[in-house]
Amino acid sequence: GGEGGDEGGGGGVAAPAKQIVKWHLHGSPKANFSSVVVFPYDTVSNKVTLITEYCPGPDCVLSGLPAGSFEPDKHQDLTHAAMDELNEEAGLKARKLIPLTPNGLVVDKYSMNKLHCYLALDCVIDDNPRPQDDTEDISVERGVSIEEVLSRLERGDMPAPSAVAALLAIQRLGDLELL
């Protein structure tokens, strides 16, 4: 299951009890099995930009971070995909983009997809951002505190990819003494 374009598959593997198991694997080959998520942070105000959008899986509106699939016909590389999603979903351009997971994170044990997280520092508002996808209805929320981000994460008001990226970004901000 998952987003459109997911492909089921499986491989026969010897399980610990020496039985043959057929796994149901999923992934998005059209996205080169990769997606990006971006944590936009302003080092002057110490605030985050979040987005709010409808999430069809849980059938509710959640807070999150700009994110999307890598599209080989549209993006030169993962960094380009991250910049595009940041612009399209939050109307921002990053002055500095820091990869948090250079090798990507496996989404879950049955997924062939990898999540690539980025920290975007000191973004500027783009007066003419890329248009949102036809299926997106995104609201942008600027000036959110780190404490509020963590509160939403703890309440379950944020999808897991955004939550993981937020935690990694907050850790990196601490390491860089930017909190």
Protein backbone atom coordinates (compact mmCIF):
# COMPACT_ATOMS: atom_id res chain seq x y z
CA GLY A 1 0.00 0.00 0.00
CA GLY A 2 0.92 3.65 0.06
CA GLU A 3 0.94 6.42 -2.48
CA GLY A 4 0.10 5.79 -6.13
CA GLY A 5 2.81 4.02 -8.04
CA ASP A 6 3.76 1.75 -5.17
CA GLU A 7 4.84 -1.63 -6.36
CA GLY A 8 4.39 -4.76 -4.31
CA GLY A 9 7.02 -7.39 -4.53
CA GLY A 10 8.83 -9.76 -2.36
CA GLY A 11 11.69 -12.05 -2.08
CA GLY A 12 11.99 -15.53 -0.72
CA VAL A 13 14.27 -15.37 2.28
CA ALA A 14 15.18 -17.98 4.84
CA ALA A 15 13.50 -16.92 8.08
CA PRO A 16 15.06 -17.88 11.43
CA ALA A 17 12.98 -21.07 11.60
CA LYS A 18 14.29 -22.09 8.14
CA GLN A 19 10.94 -21.49 6.50
CA ILE A 20 10.54 -19.61 3.25
CA VAL A 21 8.70 -16.31 3.67
CA LYS A 22 7.23 -14.16 0.91
CA TRP A 23 7.42 -10.52 2.01
CA HIS A 24 5.13 -7.79 0.70
CA LEU A 25 7.50 -4.95 -0.08
CA HIS A 26 6.43 -1.51 -1.27
CA GLY A 27 8.11 1.47 -2.82
CA SER A 28 7.85 4.23 -5.38
CA PRO A 29 10.00 3.42 -8.40
CA LYS A 30 8.79 6.55 -10.23
CA ALA A 31 10.42 8.58 -7.43
CA ASN A 32 13.64 6.55 -7.60
CA PHE A 33 12.52 5.21 -4.20
CA SER A 34 13.37 8.59 -2.63
CA SER A 35 11.53 11.42 -0.91
CA VAL A 36 12.67 14.62 0.76
CA VAL A 37 11.51 16.59 3.81
CA VAL A 38 12.76 20.05 4.79
CA PHE A 39 12.87 21.78 8.21
CA PRO A 40 12.84 25.59 7.57
CA TYR A 41 14.44 27.43 10.52
CA ASP A 42 15.16 31.12 11.03
CA THR A 43 18.29 31.67 13.15
CA VAL A 44 17.35 35.29 13.96
CA SER A 45 13.89 34.62 15.39
CA ASN A 46 14.59 30.97 16.35
CA LYS A 47 11.29 30.03 14.69
CA VAL A 48 10.18 27.31 12.30
CA THR A 49 7.87 27.40 9.28
CA LEU A 50 5.34 24.56 9.24
CA ILE A 51 2.72 23.62 6.71
CA THR A 52 -0.76 22.30 7.38
CA GLU A 53 -2.42 19.97 4.91
CA TYR A 54 -4.95 17.20 4.52
CA CYS A 55 -3.39 13.74 4.89
CA PRO A 56 -5.49 11.07 3.16
CA GLY A 57 -4.09 8.07 5.10
CA PRO A 58 -5.34 9.17 8.54
CA ASP A 59 -8.09 11.26 6.88
CA CYS A 60 -7.32 14.44 8.80
CA VAL A 61 -5.43 17.72 8.62
CA LEU A 62 -1.95 17.61 10.19
CA SER A 63 0.98 19.95 10.70
CA GLY A 64 4.13 19.02 8.88
CA LEU A 65 7.15 20.12 6.93
CA PRO A 66 7.54 20.72 3.20
CA ALA A 67 8.10 17.31 1.65
CA GLY A 68 7.69 15.38 -1.55
CA SER A 69 8.98 12.77 -3.92
CA PHE A 70 12.16 12.99 -5.93
CA GLU A 71 11.10 13.17 -9.58
CA PRO A 72 13.96 12.23 -11.94
CA ASP A 73 12.34 13.99 -14.92
CA LYS A 74 11.98 17.22 -12.90
CA HIS A 75 14.82 17.29 -10.34
CA GLN A 76 18.56 17.23 -10.97
CA ASP A 77 19.22 15.61 -7.58
CA LEU A 78 17.79 15.28 -4.07
CA THR A 79 18.94 18.77 -3.05
CA HIS A 80 17.07 20.22 -6.04
CA ALA A 81 13.96 18.26 -4.99
CA ALA A 82 14.26 19.63 -1.44
CA MET A 83 14.58 23.21 -2.71
CA ASP A 84 11.58 22.75 -5.02
CA GLU A 85 9.37 21.33 -2.27
CA LEU A 86 10.38 24.10 0.14
CA ASN A 87 9.44 26.67 -2.49
CA GLU A 88 6.25 24.98 -3.72
CA GLU A 89 4.78 24.12 -0.31
CA ALA A 90 6.06 26.92 1.94
CA GLY A 91 6.85 29.70 -0.56
CA LEU A 92 10.45 29.88 0.67
CA LYS A 93 13.99 29.91 -0.69
CA ALA A 94 16.75 28.62 1.59
CA ARG A 95 19.93 30.62 2.04
CA LYS A 96 21.61 27.43 3.29
CA LEU A 97 20.48 23.81 2.97
CA ILE A 98 22.12 21.18 5.16
CA PRO A 99 21.58 17.45 4.48
CA LEU A 100 20.72 15.68 7.73
CA THR A 101 20.59 12.14 6.34
CA PRO A 102 23.05 12.02 3.40
CA ASN A 103 22.44 8.30 2.82
CA GLY A 104 18.71 8.49 3.49
CA LEU A 105 16.66 6.63 6.07
CA VAL A 106 14.73 3.49 5.19
CA VAL A 107 11.06 4.41 5.72
CA ASP A 108 10.13 1.09 7.35
CA LYS A 109 11.23 -2.52 7.16
CA TYR A 110 8.90 -3.35 4.26
CA SER A 111 9.74 -0.25 2.24
CA MET A 112 12.28 0.19 -0.52
CA ASN A 113 11.88 3.98 -0.13
CA LYS A 114 14.39 6.23 1.58
CA LEU A 115 13.68 9.54 3.31
CA HIS A 116 16.22 12.33 2.85
CA CYS A 117 15.96 15.03 5.53
CA TYR A 118 17.27 18.59 5.20
CA LEU A 119 17.66 21.64 7.43
CA ALA A 120 16.98 24.94 5.62
CA LEU A 121 18.46 27.98 7.35
CA ASP A 122 17.38 31.60 7.11
CA CYS A 123 14.88 31.21 4.31
CA VAL A 124 13.45 34.19 2.47
CA ILE A 125 9.89 34.49 1.23
CA ASP A 126 9.58 34.03 -2.53
CA ASP A 127 7.10 36.52 -3.98
CA ASN A 128 6.49 34.17 -6.93
CA PRO A 129 6.75 30.58 -5.63
CA ARG A 130 6.19 27.47 -7.72
CA PRO A 131 2.51 26.46 -7.79
CA GLN A 132 1.30 23.71 -5.49
CA ASP A 133 0.34 20.39 -7.04
CA ASP A 134 -3.32 20.13 -8.10
CA THR A 135 -4.06 17.72 -5.24
CA GLU A 136 -2.53 19.95 -2.56
CA ASP A 137 -4.28 22.52 -0.40
CA ILE A 138 -1.51 23.68 1.90
CA SER A 139 -1.53 26.44 4.50
CA VAL A 140 1.76 27.93 5.68
CA GLU A 141 2.35 28.72 9.34
CA ARG A 142 5.38 30.90 10.02
CA GLY A 143 6.92 31.77 13.40
CA VAL A 144 6.35 28.46 15.19
CA SER A 145 8.53 27.85 18.26
CA ILE A 146 10.63 24.72 18.69
CA GLU A 147 8.57 23.97 21.82
CA GLU A 148 5.36 24.06 19.77
CA VAL A 149 6.88 21.80 17.09
CA LEU A 150 7.80 19.27 19.78
CA SER A 151 4.34 19.56 21.37
CA ARG A 152 2.61 18.80 18.06
CA LEU A 153 4.96 15.90 17.46
CA GLU A 154 4.20 14.43 20.91
CA ARG A 155 0.43 14.83 20.36
CA GLY A 156 0.66 12.92 17.08
CA ASP A 157 -0.26 15.99 15.04
CA MET A 158 2.62 15.45 12.60
CA PRO A 159 3.30 12.61 10.10
CA ALA A 160 6.30 10.43 10.97
CA PRO A 161 8.61 11.73 8.17
CA SER A 162 8.13 15.32 9.37
CA ALA A 163 8.56 14.25 12.99
CA VAL A 164 11.84 12.46 12.26
CA ALA A 165 13.17 15.39 10.23
CA ALA A 166 12.16 17.82 13.00
CA LEU A 167 13.98 15.82 15.67
CA LEU A 168 17.11 15.50 13.52
CA ALA A 169 17.04 19.22 12.67
CA ILE A 170 16.58 20.27 16.29
CA GLN A 171 19.51 18.06 17.28
CA ARG A 172 21.68 19.57 14.52
CA LEU A 173 20.64 23.11 15.51
CA GLY A 174 21.78 22.32 19.04
CA ASP A 175 25.09 20.94 17.76
CA LEU A 176 25.58 24.14 15.74
CA GLU A 177 24.59 26.25 18.81
CA LEU A 178 21.76 27.86 16.85
CA LEU A 179 18.92 27.27 19.32
